[in-house]
N, C-alpha and C. Protein backbone atom coordinates (compact mmCIF):
# COMPACT_ATOMS: atom_id res chain seq x y z
N LYS A 1 0.86 -1.19 0.00
CA LYS A 1 0.00 0.00 0.00
C LYS A 1 0.90 1.24 0.00
N SER A 2 0.74 2.06 -1.04
CA SER A 2 1.61 3.23 -1.11
C SER A 2 1.00 4.38 -0.31
N SER A 3 1.90 5.15 0.32
CA SER A 3 1.43 6.30 1.10
C SER A 3 1.26 7.48 0.17
N LYS A 4 0.14 8.17 0.34
CA LYS A 4 -0.07 9.36 -0.45
C LYS A 4 0.62 10.52 0.28
N ILE A 5 1.43 11.27 -0.47
CA ILE A 5 2.11 12.37 0.21
C ILE A 5 1.21 13.59 0.20
N ASP A 6 0.40 13.67 1.24
CA ASP A 6 -0.51 14.83 1.38
C ASP A 6 -0.21 15.49 2.73
N ASP A 7 -1.05 16.46 3.09
CA ASP A 7 -0.82 17.20 4.34
C ASP A 7 -0.86 16.27 5.57
N ASP A 8 -1.73 15.25 5.50
CA ASP A 8 -1.82 14.32 6.65
C ASP A 8 -0.50 13.56 6.82
N PHE A 9 0.04 13.11 5.69
CA PHE A 9 1.32 12.40 5.72
C PHE A 9 2.42 13.32 6.26
N ALA A 10 2.39 14.59 5.82
CA ALA A 10 3.39 15.57 6.26
C ALA A 10 3.32 15.75 7.77
N LYS A 11 2.09 15.81 8.31
CA LYS A 11 1.90 15.99 9.77
C LYS A 11 2.49 14.79 10.50
N LEU A 12 2.29 13.63 9.91
CA LEU A 12 2.80 12.39 10.49
C LEU A 12 4.33 12.45 10.61
N MET A 13 4.96 13.13 9.65
CA MET A 13 6.42 13.26 9.62
C MET A 13 6.90 14.46 10.44
N GLY A 14 5.98 15.09 11.14
CA GLY A 14 6.36 16.19 12.03
C GLY A 14 6.38 17.55 11.36
N ALA A 15 5.77 17.66 10.15
CA ALA A 15 5.72 18.96 9.47
C ALA A 15 4.29 19.50 9.51
N LYS A 16 4.13 20.77 9.12
CA LYS A 16 2.79 21.38 9.16
C LYS A 16 1.96 20.90 7.97
N ASP A 17 2.57 20.92 6.79
CA ASP A 17 1.88 20.48 5.58
C ASP A 17 2.92 20.04 4.55
N VAL A 18 2.48 19.70 3.33
CA VAL A 18 3.41 19.20 2.31
C VAL A 18 4.52 20.21 2.01
N LYS A 19 4.14 21.49 1.90
CA LYS A 19 5.11 22.54 1.58
C LYS A 19 6.19 22.61 2.68
N ASP A 20 5.74 22.52 3.92
CA ASP A 20 6.65 22.58 5.07
C ASP A 20 7.56 21.35 5.07
N LEU A 21 6.99 20.19 4.73
CA LEU A 21 7.77 18.95 4.68
C LEU A 21 8.89 19.07 3.64
N LYS A 22 8.51 19.62 2.47
CA LYS A 22 9.48 19.79 1.38
C LYS A 22 10.63 20.69 1.84
N SER A 23 10.27 21.77 2.51
CA SER A 23 11.29 22.73 2.95
C SER A 23 12.20 22.09 4.02
N LEU A 24 11.60 21.25 4.91
CA LEU A 24 12.39 20.57 5.93
C LEU A 24 13.40 19.61 5.29
N ILE A 25 12.93 18.88 4.27
CA ILE A 25 13.80 17.91 3.60
C ILE A 25 14.94 18.64 2.88
N GLU A 26 14.58 19.76 2.21
CA GLU A 26 15.62 20.54 1.50
C GLU A 26 16.68 21.06 2.47
N LYS A 27 16.20 21.54 3.64
CA LYS A 27 17.13 22.06 4.65
C LYS A 27 18.08 20.97 5.12
N GLN A 28 17.50 19.77 5.33
CA GLN A 28 18.30 18.65 5.82
C GLN A 28 19.37 18.26 4.80
N ILE A 29 18.94 18.18 3.53
CA ILE A 29 19.88 17.80 2.47
C ILE A 29 20.98 18.86 2.33
N SER A 30 20.57 20.14 2.33
CA SER A 30 21.58 21.19 2.15
C SER A 30 22.51 21.22 3.37
N GLY A 31 21.99 20.88 4.55
CA GLY A 31 22.82 20.80 5.75
C GLY A 31 23.87 19.72 5.62
N GLN A 32 23.48 18.57 5.03
CA GLN A 32 24.42 17.46 4.86
C GLN A 32 25.52 17.82 3.87
N TYR A 33 25.13 18.48 2.77
CA TYR A 33 26.13 18.91 1.78
C TYR A 33 27.10 19.90 2.42
N SER A 34 26.53 20.85 3.14
CA SER A 34 27.35 21.90 3.71
C SER A 34 28.34 21.31 4.73
N GLN A 35 27.89 20.28 5.47
CA GLN A 35 28.78 19.60 6.42
C GLN A 35 29.95 18.93 5.69
N ALA A 36 29.63 18.25 4.59
CA ALA A 36 30.66 17.55 3.81
C ALA A 36 31.65 18.55 3.22
N LEU A 37 31.14 19.67 2.69
CA LEU A 37 32.01 20.68 2.07
C LEU A 37 32.89 21.35 3.13
N ASN A 38 32.33 21.56 4.33
CA ASN A 38 33.11 22.14 5.42
C ASN A 38 34.26 21.22 5.81
N SER A 39 33.99 19.91 5.81
CA SER A 39 35.03 18.93 6.16
C SER A 39 36.17 18.99 5.15
N ILE A 40 35.80 19.17 3.87
CA ILE A 40 36.82 19.24 2.81
C ILE A 40 37.68 20.50 3.02
N THR A 41 37.02 21.63 3.30
CA THR A 41 37.75 22.89 3.53
C THR A 41 38.71 22.71 4.70
N LYS A 42 38.22 22.07 5.78
CA LYS A 42 39.04 21.88 6.97
C LYS A 42 40.26 21.02 6.63
N LYS A 43 40.03 19.95 5.87
CA LYS A 43 41.13 19.04 5.49
C LYS A 43 42.18 19.81 4.69
N GLU A 44 41.72 20.66 3.74
CA GLU A 44 42.66 21.43 2.91
C GLU A 44 43.48 22.39 3.80
N ILE A 45 42.81 23.04 4.77
CA ILE A 45 43.50 23.98 5.66
C ILE A 45 44.56 23.24 6.48
N LEU A 46 44.17 22.08 7.04
CA LEU A 46 45.10 21.30 7.86
C LEU A 46 46.30 20.83 7.04
N ASP A 47 46.03 20.42 5.79
CA ASP A 47 47.13 19.99 4.91
C ASP A 47 48.12 21.12 4.68
N GLN A 48 47.59 22.33 4.46
CA GLN A 48 48.45 23.50 4.22
C GLN A 48 49.29 23.81 5.46
N ILE A 49 48.66 23.78 6.64
CA ILE A 49 49.37 24.07 7.89
C ILE A 49 50.53 23.09 8.04
N GLU A 50 50.22 21.81 7.77
CA GLU A 50 51.25 20.78 7.94
C GLU A 50 52.40 20.98 6.96
N LYS A 51 52.06 21.32 5.70
CA LYS A 51 53.10 21.53 4.67
C LYS A 51 54.00 22.71 5.02
N ASN A 52 53.40 23.75 5.64
CA ASN A 52 54.15 24.99 5.84
C ASN A 52 55.02 25.01 7.10
N HIS A 53 54.96 23.97 7.91
CA HIS A 53 55.73 23.98 9.16
C HIS A 53 56.57 22.72 9.30
N GLN A 54 57.80 22.93 9.73
CA GLN A 54 58.66 21.78 10.04
C GLN A 54 58.74 21.64 11.55
N VAL A 55 58.47 20.44 12.07
CA VAL A 55 58.55 20.23 13.51
C VAL A 55 59.32 18.93 13.76
N GLU A 56 60.32 19.00 14.63
CA GLU A 56 61.05 17.79 14.99
C GLU A 56 60.27 17.06 16.08
N LEU A 57 59.97 15.79 15.85
CA LEU A 57 59.17 15.05 16.83
C LEU A 57 59.99 13.94 17.47
N PRO A 58 59.95 13.85 18.82
CA PRO A 58 60.66 12.75 19.47
C PRO A 58 60.02 11.40 19.12
N GLN A 59 60.86 10.38 18.90
CA GLN A 59 60.38 9.07 18.46
C GLN A 59 59.41 8.44 19.47
N ASN A 60 59.69 8.66 20.79
CA ASN A 60 58.80 8.01 21.78
C ASN A 60 57.37 8.55 21.69
N LEU A 61 57.24 9.82 21.28
CA LEU A 61 55.91 10.42 21.10
C LEU A 61 55.20 9.76 19.92
N ILE A 62 55.98 9.51 18.86
CA ILE A 62 55.42 8.87 17.66
C ILE A 62 54.99 7.44 17.99
N ASP A 63 55.87 6.71 18.71
CA ASP A 63 55.55 5.32 19.08
C ASP A 63 54.28 5.25 19.93
N GLN A 64 54.15 6.21 20.83
CA GLN A 64 52.97 6.26 21.71
C GLN A 64 51.69 6.46 20.89
N GLU A 65 51.76 7.38 19.91
CA GLU A 65 50.61 7.68 19.06
C GLU A 65 50.24 6.46 18.22
N ILE A 66 51.27 5.75 17.71
CA ILE A 66 51.02 4.55 16.91
C ILE A 66 50.30 3.50 17.77
N LEU A 67 50.74 3.37 19.03
CA LEU A 67 50.10 2.42 19.95
C LEU A 67 48.62 2.72 20.11
N VAL A 68 48.31 4.01 20.32
CA VAL A 68 46.91 4.43 20.48
C VAL A 68 46.11 4.14 19.21
N MET A 69 46.72 4.47 18.05
CA MET A 69 46.02 4.30 16.78
C MET A 69 45.76 2.84 16.43
N THR A 70 46.69 1.96 16.84
CA THR A 70 46.59 0.58 16.36
C THR A 70 46.18 -0.41 17.45
N LYS A 71 45.68 0.13 18.58
CA LYS A 71 45.43 -0.78 19.71
C LYS A 71 44.38 -1.86 19.40
N ASN A 72 43.49 -1.61 18.43
CA ASN A 72 42.49 -2.63 18.10
C ASN A 72 42.83 -3.44 16.86
N LEU A 73 44.05 -3.28 16.35
CA LEU A 73 44.43 -4.00 15.14
C LEU A 73 45.16 -5.30 15.47
N LYS A 74 45.02 -6.27 14.58
CA LYS A 74 45.77 -7.53 14.73
C LYS A 74 47.23 -7.25 14.39
N PRO A 75 48.16 -8.06 14.98
CA PRO A 75 49.60 -7.83 14.73
C PRO A 75 49.95 -7.77 13.24
N GLU A 76 49.35 -8.67 12.43
CA GLU A 76 49.72 -8.66 11.00
C GLU A 76 49.23 -7.40 10.30
N GLU A 77 48.09 -6.87 10.78
CA GLU A 77 47.57 -5.60 10.23
C GLU A 77 48.54 -4.46 10.54
N LYS A 78 49.02 -4.45 11.81
CA LYS A 78 49.96 -3.40 12.23
C LYS A 78 51.21 -3.45 11.36
N GLU A 79 51.70 -4.68 11.14
CA GLU A 79 52.92 -4.90 10.37
C GLU A 79 52.75 -4.40 8.93
N LYS A 80 51.60 -4.79 8.34
CA LYS A 80 51.31 -4.49 6.94
C LYS A 80 51.32 -2.98 6.67
N HIS A 81 50.78 -2.22 7.61
CA HIS A 81 50.65 -0.77 7.37
C HIS A 81 51.60 0.05 8.24
N SER A 82 52.70 -0.58 8.69
CA SER A 82 53.55 0.11 9.68
C SER A 82 54.09 1.45 9.19
N SER A 83 54.54 1.52 7.90
CA SER A 83 55.12 2.80 7.45
C SER A 83 54.03 3.85 7.30
N ASN A 84 52.85 3.41 6.87
CA ASN A 84 51.72 4.33 6.74
C ASN A 84 51.28 4.83 8.11
N ASN A 85 51.26 3.91 9.09
CA ASN A 85 50.85 4.27 10.45
C ASN A 85 51.79 5.30 11.05
N GLU A 86 53.09 5.12 10.77
CA GLU A 86 54.07 6.07 11.31
C GLU A 86 53.85 7.46 10.69
N LYS A 87 53.59 7.48 9.37
CA LYS A 87 53.33 8.75 8.67
C LYS A 87 52.13 9.45 9.29
N LEU A 88 51.05 8.68 9.49
CA LEU A 88 49.81 9.21 10.03
C LEU A 88 50.01 9.71 11.46
N ALA A 89 50.76 8.94 12.25
CA ALA A 89 51.02 9.32 13.64
C ALA A 89 51.77 10.65 13.69
N LYS A 90 52.82 10.77 12.84
CA LYS A 90 53.60 12.01 12.79
C LYS A 90 52.72 13.19 12.43
N SER A 91 51.86 12.96 11.42
CA SER A 91 50.98 14.01 10.94
C SER A 91 50.02 14.45 12.05
N ARG A 92 49.47 13.48 12.78
CA ARG A 92 48.51 13.81 13.84
C ARG A 92 49.17 14.58 14.98
N ILE A 93 50.37 14.14 15.38
CA ILE A 93 51.07 14.83 16.48
C ILE A 93 51.45 16.25 16.05
N LYS A 94 52.00 16.34 14.85
CA LYS A 94 52.45 17.64 14.33
C LYS A 94 51.28 18.62 14.29
N LEU A 95 50.15 18.18 13.72
CA LEU A 95 48.99 19.06 13.64
C LEU A 95 48.48 19.42 15.03
N GLY A 96 48.46 18.43 15.91
CA GLY A 96 48.01 18.66 17.29
C GLY A 96 48.83 19.75 17.95
N LEU A 97 50.16 19.65 17.80
CA LEU A 97 51.06 20.64 18.42
C LEU A 97 50.88 22.02 17.81
N LEU A 98 50.79 22.06 16.47
CA LEU A 98 50.66 23.36 15.79
C LEU A 98 49.34 24.05 16.14
N LEU A 99 48.26 23.25 16.13
CA LEU A 99 46.94 23.84 16.45
C LEU A 99 46.90 24.31 17.89
N ASN A 100 47.48 23.49 18.77
CA ASN A 100 47.50 23.84 20.19
C ASN A 100 48.22 25.16 20.43
N GLU A 101 49.38 25.28 19.76
CA GLU A 101 50.18 26.49 19.90
C GLU A 101 49.38 27.70 19.41
N TYR A 102 48.70 27.53 18.28
CA TYR A 102 47.90 28.61 17.70
C TYR A 102 46.75 28.98 18.65
N GLY A 103 46.12 27.95 19.22
CA GLY A 103 45.01 28.17 20.15
C GLY A 103 45.46 28.93 21.39
N GLU A 104 46.64 28.54 21.91
CA GLU A 104 47.16 29.21 23.12
C GLU A 104 47.54 30.65 22.82
N LYS A 105 48.19 30.86 21.67
CA LYS A 105 48.59 32.22 21.28
C LYS A 105 47.39 33.15 21.21
N ASN A 106 46.26 32.59 20.79
CA ASN A 106 45.05 33.41 20.61
C ASN A 106 44.07 33.28 21.77
N ASN A 107 44.59 32.76 22.89
CA ASN A 107 43.78 32.61 24.11
C ASN A 107 42.44 31.90 23.90
N LEU A 108 42.44 30.89 23.07
CA LEU A 108 41.18 30.15 22.85
C LEU A 108 41.01 29.12 23.95
N LYS A 109 39.79 29.04 24.45
CA LYS A 109 39.50 28.05 25.49
C LYS A 109 38.11 27.48 25.24
N VAL A 110 37.88 26.28 25.76
CA VAL A 110 36.53 25.70 25.68
C VAL A 110 36.05 25.55 27.11
N SER A 111 34.93 26.20 27.42
CA SER A 111 34.42 26.14 28.79
C SER A 111 33.59 24.87 29.00
N ASP A 112 33.39 24.51 30.28
CA ASP A 112 32.56 23.34 30.59
C ASP A 112 31.13 23.55 30.09
N ASP A 113 30.69 24.82 30.10
CA ASP A 113 29.34 25.13 29.60
C ASP A 113 29.22 24.77 28.13
N GLU A 114 30.26 25.08 27.36
CA GLU A 114 30.23 24.78 25.92
C GLU A 114 30.16 23.27 25.69
N VAL A 115 30.90 22.52 26.53
CA VAL A 115 30.86 21.05 26.41
C VAL A 115 29.45 20.56 26.75
N ARG A 116 28.88 21.12 27.83
CA ARG A 116 27.50 20.73 28.23
C ARG A 116 26.50 21.04 27.13
N ASN A 117 26.64 22.22 26.50
CA ASN A 117 25.73 22.60 25.42
C ASN A 117 25.82 21.64 24.24
N GLU A 118 27.07 21.22 23.94
CA GLU A 118 27.28 20.29 22.82
C GLU A 118 26.63 18.94 23.13
N ILE A 119 26.75 18.51 24.39
CA ILE A 119 26.12 17.23 24.80
C ILE A 119 24.60 17.36 24.67
N GLN A 120 24.07 18.52 25.09
CA GLN A 120 22.62 18.77 24.99
C GLN A 120 22.17 18.70 23.53
N LYS A 121 23.00 19.27 22.64
CA LYS A 121 22.69 19.27 21.21
C LYS A 121 22.60 17.83 20.70
N GLN A 122 23.57 17.01 21.14
CA GLN A 122 23.58 15.61 20.72
C GLN A 122 22.36 14.87 21.26
N ILE A 123 22.00 15.20 22.51
CA ILE A 123 20.83 14.56 23.13
C ILE A 123 19.57 14.91 22.35
N LYS A 124 19.45 16.20 21.98
CA LYS A 124 18.27 16.65 21.22
C LYS A 124 18.18 15.96 19.87
N GLY A 125 19.36 15.67 19.30
CA GLY A 125 19.40 15.05 17.98
C GLY A 125 19.10 13.56 18.00
N MET A 126 18.95 12.99 19.19
CA MET A 126 18.67 11.56 19.29
C MET A 126 17.45 11.30 20.16
N PRO A 127 16.27 11.70 19.67
CA PRO A 127 15.06 11.54 20.48
C PRO A 127 14.85 10.07 20.85
N GLY A 128 14.45 9.87 22.11
CA GLY A 128 14.20 8.50 22.58
C GLY A 128 15.45 7.86 23.17
N GLN A 129 16.62 8.46 22.89
CA GLN A 129 17.85 7.85 23.42
C GLN A 129 18.60 8.83 24.33
N GLU A 130 17.83 9.83 24.82
CA GLU A 130 18.44 10.89 25.63
C GLU A 130 19.23 10.32 26.81
N LYS A 131 18.59 9.39 27.53
CA LYS A 131 19.21 8.86 28.75
C LYS A 131 20.51 8.12 28.41
N MET A 132 20.47 7.38 27.30
CA MET A 132 21.64 6.61 26.90
C MET A 132 22.83 7.53 26.61
N VAL A 133 22.56 8.62 25.87
CA VAL A 133 23.63 9.58 25.52
C VAL A 133 24.17 10.24 26.79
N PHE A 134 23.24 10.67 27.66
CA PHE A 134 23.61 11.35 28.91
C PHE A 134 24.47 10.42 29.78
N ASP A 135 24.00 9.17 29.94
CA ASP A 135 24.75 8.19 30.76
C ASP A 135 26.14 7.93 30.20
N TYR A 136 26.21 7.87 28.85
CA TYR A 136 27.49 7.60 28.20
C TYR A 136 28.53 8.64 28.61
N TYR A 137 28.13 9.92 28.57
CA TYR A 137 29.07 10.98 28.93
C TYR A 137 29.35 11.01 30.43
N GLN A 138 28.33 10.63 31.23
CA GLN A 138 28.52 10.59 32.69
C GLN A 138 29.55 9.52 33.07
N LYS A 139 29.44 8.37 32.39
CA LYS A 139 30.29 7.22 32.77
C LYS A 139 31.66 7.25 32.08
N ASN A 140 31.79 8.05 31.02
CA ASN A 140 33.06 8.09 30.29
C ASN A 140 33.66 9.49 30.26
N PRO A 141 34.42 9.84 31.30
CA PRO A 141 35.04 11.18 31.31
C PRO A 141 35.90 11.41 30.07
N ASN A 142 36.47 10.31 29.53
CA ASN A 142 37.30 10.43 28.32
C ASN A 142 36.51 10.97 27.14
N ALA A 143 35.21 10.56 27.08
CA ALA A 143 34.36 11.00 25.97
C ALA A 143 34.15 12.52 26.05
N SER A 144 33.97 13.04 27.27
CA SER A 144 33.79 14.49 27.43
C SER A 144 35.08 15.22 27.06
N GLN A 145 36.22 14.64 27.45
CA GLN A 145 37.52 15.24 27.12
C GLN A 145 37.73 15.29 25.62
N SER A 146 37.34 14.18 24.97
CA SER A 146 37.51 14.08 23.52
C SER A 146 36.61 15.10 22.83
N LEU A 147 35.40 15.28 23.38
CA LEU A 147 34.45 16.26 22.84
C LEU A 147 35.03 17.67 23.01
N LYS A 148 35.64 17.91 24.16
CA LYS A 148 36.26 19.20 24.44
C LYS A 148 37.37 19.47 23.42
N GLY A 149 38.16 18.42 23.13
CA GLY A 149 39.24 18.53 22.14
C GLY A 149 38.71 18.88 20.77
N SER A 150 37.58 18.23 20.38
CA SER A 150 36.98 18.50 19.06
C SER A 150 36.48 19.94 18.98
N LEU A 151 35.84 20.41 20.06
CA LEU A 151 35.31 21.78 20.08
C LEU A 151 36.47 22.79 19.98
N TYR A 152 37.56 22.48 20.67
CA TYR A 152 38.74 23.34 20.67
C TYR A 152 39.31 23.43 19.25
N GLU A 153 39.39 22.26 18.61
CA GLU A 153 39.92 22.23 17.23
C GLU A 153 39.02 23.04 16.30
N GLU A 154 37.68 22.87 16.47
CA GLU A 154 36.74 23.63 15.62
C GLU A 154 36.94 25.13 15.80
N LYS A 155 37.14 25.56 17.06
CA LYS A 155 37.34 26.99 17.34
C LYS A 155 38.60 27.50 16.62
N ILE A 156 39.65 26.69 16.68
CA ILE A 156 40.91 27.09 16.05
C ILE A 156 40.72 27.20 14.53
N ILE A 157 40.05 26.20 13.95
CA ILE A 157 39.82 26.20 12.49
C ILE A 157 38.99 27.42 12.10
N GLU A 158 37.95 27.72 12.89
CA GLU A 158 37.10 28.89 12.59
C GLU A 158 37.92 30.18 12.62
N LEU A 159 38.82 30.27 13.61
CA LEU A 159 39.65 31.47 13.72
C LEU A 159 40.60 31.58 12.51
N ILE A 160 41.19 30.44 12.13
CA ILE A 160 42.08 30.44 10.96
C ILE A 160 41.30 30.87 9.72
N LYS A 161 40.08 30.31 9.57
CA LYS A 161 39.25 30.66 8.41
C LYS A 161 38.98 32.17 8.38
N SER A 162 38.77 32.75 9.56
CA SER A 162 38.43 34.18 9.59
C SER A 162 39.65 35.04 9.24
N LYS A 163 40.86 34.47 9.36
CA LYS A 163 42.07 35.27 9.12
C LYS A 163 42.65 35.05 7.72
N ILE A 164 42.17 34.02 7.01
CA ILE A 164 42.71 33.81 5.66
C ILE A 164 41.68 34.22 4.62
N ASN A 165 42.14 34.40 3.40
CA ASN A 165 41.21 34.78 2.35
C ASN A 165 40.56 33.54 1.75
N LEU A 166 39.38 33.21 2.28
CA LEU A 166 38.66 32.06 1.74
C LEU A 166 37.71 32.58 0.66
N ASN A 167 37.75 31.97 -0.50
CA ASN A 167 36.78 32.35 -1.53
C ASN A 167 35.51 31.55 -1.34
N SER A 168 34.44 32.23 -0.93
CA SER A 168 33.17 31.52 -0.76
C SER A 168 32.37 31.63 -2.04
N LYS A 169 31.70 30.53 -2.39
CA LYS A 169 30.79 30.66 -3.52
C LYS A 169 29.61 29.72 -3.31
N GLU A 170 28.47 30.18 -3.82
CA GLU A 170 27.25 29.37 -3.71
C GLU A 170 27.36 28.21 -4.71
N VAL A 171 27.01 27.01 -4.26
CA VAL A 171 26.98 25.89 -5.21
C VAL A 171 25.64 25.19 -5.10
N ASN A 172 25.17 24.67 -6.24
CA ASN A 172 23.93 23.89 -6.17
C ASN A 172 24.28 22.44 -5.84
N THR A 173 23.26 21.61 -5.64
CA THR A 173 23.51 20.24 -5.18
C THR A 173 24.37 19.45 -6.17
N LYS A 174 24.16 19.69 -7.47
CA LYS A 174 24.96 18.95 -8.48
C LYS A 174 26.45 19.29 -8.34
N GLU A 175 26.74 20.60 -8.20
CA GLU A 175 28.13 21.04 -8.07
C GLU A 175 28.74 20.52 -6.77
N ALA A 176 27.92 20.57 -5.71
CA ALA A 176 28.39 20.08 -4.40
C ALA A 176 28.75 18.61 -4.49
N GLU A 177 27.88 17.85 -5.17
CA GLU A 177 28.11 16.41 -5.32
C GLU A 177 29.42 16.16 -6.06
N LYS A 178 29.67 16.96 -7.11
CA LYS A 178 30.89 16.78 -7.91
C LYS A 178 32.13 17.06 -7.05
N ILE A 179 32.09 18.13 -6.27
CA ILE A 179 33.24 18.48 -5.41
C ILE A 179 33.53 17.34 -4.43
N ILE A 180 32.45 16.83 -3.81
CA ILE A 180 32.60 15.76 -2.81
C ILE A 180 33.12 14.48 -3.46
N THR A 181 32.55 14.13 -4.63
CA THR A 181 32.98 12.91 -5.33
C THR A 181 34.44 13.02 -5.75
N ASP A 182 34.81 14.18 -6.35
CA ASP A 182 36.20 14.38 -6.79
C ASP A 182 37.17 14.28 -5.61
N PHE A 183 36.76 14.86 -4.49
CA PHE A 183 37.63 14.86 -3.30
C PHE A 183 37.83 13.43 -2.81
N ASN A 184 36.74 12.66 -2.75
CA ASN A 184 36.83 11.27 -2.28
C ASN A 184 37.66 10.42 -3.24
N LYS A 185 37.51 10.69 -4.55
CA LYS A 185 38.26 9.92 -5.55
C LYS A 185 39.77 10.21 -5.39
N GLN A 186 40.07 11.49 -5.20
CA GLN A 186 41.47 11.92 -5.06
C GLN A 186 42.07 11.28 -3.79
N LYS A 187 41.23 11.18 -2.74
CA LYS A 187 41.67 10.57 -1.48
C LYS A 187 42.01 9.10 -1.69
N VAL A 188 41.14 8.40 -2.43
CA VAL A 188 41.35 6.98 -2.71
C VAL A 188 42.61 6.79 -3.55
N ASP A 189 42.80 7.65 -4.56
CA ASP A 189 43.99 7.57 -5.42
C ASP A 189 45.27 7.76 -4.60
N THR A 190 45.24 8.73 -3.66
CA THR A 190 46.41 8.98 -2.83
C THR A 190 46.70 7.75 -1.97
N GLU A 191 45.64 7.18 -1.39
CA GLU A 191 45.83 5.98 -0.57
C GLU A 191 46.47 4.88 -1.40
N LYS A 192 45.94 4.70 -2.65
CA LYS A 192 46.46 3.64 -3.52
C LYS A 192 47.94 3.85 -3.79
N SER A 193 48.31 5.09 -4.14
CA SER A 193 49.71 5.33 -4.47
C SER A 193 50.58 5.16 -3.24
N LYS A 194 50.03 5.45 -2.05
CA LYS A 194 50.79 5.27 -0.82
C LYS A 194 51.11 3.79 -0.62
N THR A 195 50.07 2.95 -0.82
CA THR A 195 50.27 1.53 -0.56
C THR A 195 51.22 0.91 -1.60
N THR A 196 51.10 1.37 -2.85
CA THR A 196 51.98 0.77 -3.87
C THR A 196 53.42 1.22 -3.64
N SER A 197 53.59 2.47 -3.21
CA SER A 197 54.97 2.95 -3.04
C SER A 197 55.63 2.31 -1.83
N SER A 198 54.83 1.82 -0.88
CA SER A 198 55.46 1.25 0.32
C SER A 198 55.80 -0.22 0.15
N ILE A 199 55.42 -0.81 -1.02
CA ILE A 199 55.70 -2.24 -1.25
C ILE A 199 57.18 -2.42 -1.56
């Protein structure tokens, strides 16, 4: 039995009428595209920061990061990707240090209130599972710390964006899709060339 998309159906989906439902769906889709495009911008910014700075890293710091990254991997998996893991570990530590330094220079901080607000946002986004999300953060102080770290990084990225000349342009869904697809394809190609070069 097919559902007729009329005002009654729209109300069932939490909208006022069909027109409202359409606008809600469009907002949701455009929100998803905008999230994906923001991630690409962030990745490009981080790549530039990493390219433009040389940092000497102590080996024990790198080994520690590799341990954290590979703690759930089987020994043969660790072995297979060891050179790639080391590259990734160096990149993560280097970016962490550079971003941290930038954040401190600009007196950026994340308050406990901001962390609480973010948790509330997540709770609102998961109706029916509020208690589960709340309990998770209550029982896992590490999760709150990690959330604080993500918020701090976002603040730093936003500040960097505000200080550099970013060219903004409106894109329609087709163009957005092309940008995202091209970016993912380029990512896959880079991964492939990495694995072949390490053989």
